Amino acid sequence: MKKEIRTDYVTRDTIMKLLSDAEIARVSTAETATGLDRGDEYIDLEELSMGVRSALPKVTVPMGRLLPRKAVEAGTWEQIVSVLAEQKAPSGASPKA
């Protein structure tokens, strides 16, 4: 398995473990939505390298791949952003705050 793919799996797993039961329920409910509102922040769990993104009027990404900011608590979102920053940081470097 390529190192990049393995890193994505580990990062995705780390992010999902940050979610409480209530947040998981909200994310599951969000998966059935037809889309996000313009400007809603989200991460695409299949494109973690893209980081936090803002929804455009016609987001064509399947909702089941997305983790909307509005589905998680503020503290959880901060932890998720931190995990993504660590993934982007070069090996041996610490991410900037």
Protein backbone atom coordinates (compact mmCIF):
# COMPACT_ATOMS: atom_id res chain seq x y z
CA MET A 1 0.00 0.00 0.00
CA LYS A 2 1.34 3.44 -0.91
CA LYS A 3 2.37 5.58 2.04
CA GLU A 4 0.03 8.43 0.96
CA ILE A 5 -3.00 6.12 0.84
CA ARG A 6 -2.15 4.64 4.22
CA THR A 7 -1.75 8.14 5.69
CA ASP A 8 -5.21 9.08 4.35
CA TYR A 9 -6.75 5.96 5.95
CA VAL A 10 -5.08 6.70 9.29
CA THR A 11 -6.11 10.36 9.15
CA ARG A 12 -9.71 9.49 8.22
CA ASP A 13 -9.86 6.98 11.08
CA THR A 14 -8.38 9.54 13.50
CA ILE A 15 -10.98 12.12 12.46
CA MET A 16 -13.89 9.70 12.83
CA LYS A 17 -12.71 8.71 16.32
CA LEU A 18 -12.96 12.37 17.39
CA LEU A 19 -16.74 12.37 16.85
CA SER A 20 -19.14 11.80 19.72
CA ASP A 21 -22.17 9.53 19.30
CA ALA A 22 -24.39 12.59 18.85
CA GLU A 23 -22.07 14.00 16.18
CA ILE A 24 -22.02 10.68 14.34
CA ALA A 25 -25.81 10.75 14.32
CA ARG A 26 -25.82 14.30 12.91
CA VAL A 27 -23.27 13.35 10.24
CA SER A 28 -25.38 10.32 9.31
CA THR A 29 -28.43 12.58 9.01
CA ALA A 30 -26.43 15.04 6.89
CA GLU A 31 -25.63 12.20 4.45
CA THR A 32 -29.29 12.06 3.47
CA ALA A 33 -29.42 15.80 2.72
CA THR A 34 -29.46 16.91 -0.89
CA GLY A 35 -26.54 19.28 -0.46
CA LEU A 36 -24.88 21.99 1.56
CA ASP A 37 -25.82 25.64 1.68
CA ARG A 38 -23.53 28.06 -0.12
CA GLY A 39 -20.53 28.85 2.10
CA ASP A 40 -20.99 25.87 4.45
CA GLU A 41 -17.61 24.53 5.49
CA TYR A 42 -16.85 20.84 5.11
CA ILE A 43 -14.10 18.30 4.54
CA ASP A 44 -14.25 15.65 1.88
CA LEU A 45 -13.21 12.39 3.55
CA GLU A 46 -11.98 11.09 0.18
CA GLU A 47 -9.93 14.25 -0.55
CA LEU A 48 -8.38 15.10 2.80
CA SER A 49 -5.43 16.84 1.15
CA MET A 50 -7.84 19.58 0.03
CA GLY A 51 -8.44 20.52 3.67
CA VAL A 52 -11.42 22.57 4.77
CA ARG A 53 -13.56 23.71 1.85
CA SER A 54 -16.54 26.03 1.41
CA ALA A 55 -19.59 24.81 -0.45
CA LEU A 56 -20.43 26.37 -3.77
CA PRO A 57 -23.98 26.50 -5.13
CA LYS A 58 -23.62 23.25 -7.04
CA VAL A 59 -21.46 20.88 -4.99
CA THR A 60 -21.38 17.63 -6.94
CA VAL A 61 -19.58 15.56 -4.31
CA PRO A 62 -21.73 12.79 -2.81
CA MET A 63 -22.92 13.86 0.65
CA GLY A 64 -21.80 10.52 2.11
CA ARG A 65 -18.18 11.59 1.59
CA LEU A 66 -18.55 14.92 3.35
CA LEU A 67 -18.16 15.92 6.95
CA PRO A 68 -20.00 19.25 7.32
CA ARG A 69 -18.76 21.65 9.98
CA LYS A 70 -22.34 22.27 11.10
CA ALA A 71 -22.70 18.57 12.03
CA VAL A 72 -20.02 18.70 14.74
CA GLU A 73 -19.32 20.79 17.83
CA ALA A 74 -16.86 23.70 17.59
CA GLY A 75 -14.24 21.92 19.70
CA THR A 76 -14.43 18.79 17.56
CA TRP A 77 -14.07 20.87 14.38
CA GLU A 78 -10.94 22.52 15.83
CA GLN A 79 -9.47 19.07 16.54
CA ILE A 80 -10.29 17.93 13.00
CA VAL A 81 -8.60 21.00 11.51
CA SER A 82 -5.57 20.29 13.71
CA VAL A 83 -5.39 16.67 12.47
CA LEU A 84 -5.53 17.89 8.86
CA ALA A 85 -2.78 20.44 9.54
CA GLU A 86 -0.57 17.72 11.03
CA GLN A 87 -1.10 15.59 7.93
CA LYS A 88 0.03 18.44 5.66
CA ALA A 89 3.07 19.33 7.77
CA PRO A 90 6.34 17.96 6.38
CA SER A 91 7.80 15.11 8.39
CA GLY A 92 9.61 16.44 11.45
CA ALA A 93 8.00 19.88 11.21
CA SER A 94 5.25 21.12 13.46
CA PRO A 95 2.25 22.86 11.89
CA LYS A 96 1.91 26.62 12.34
CA ALA A 97 -0.81 27.75 14.73
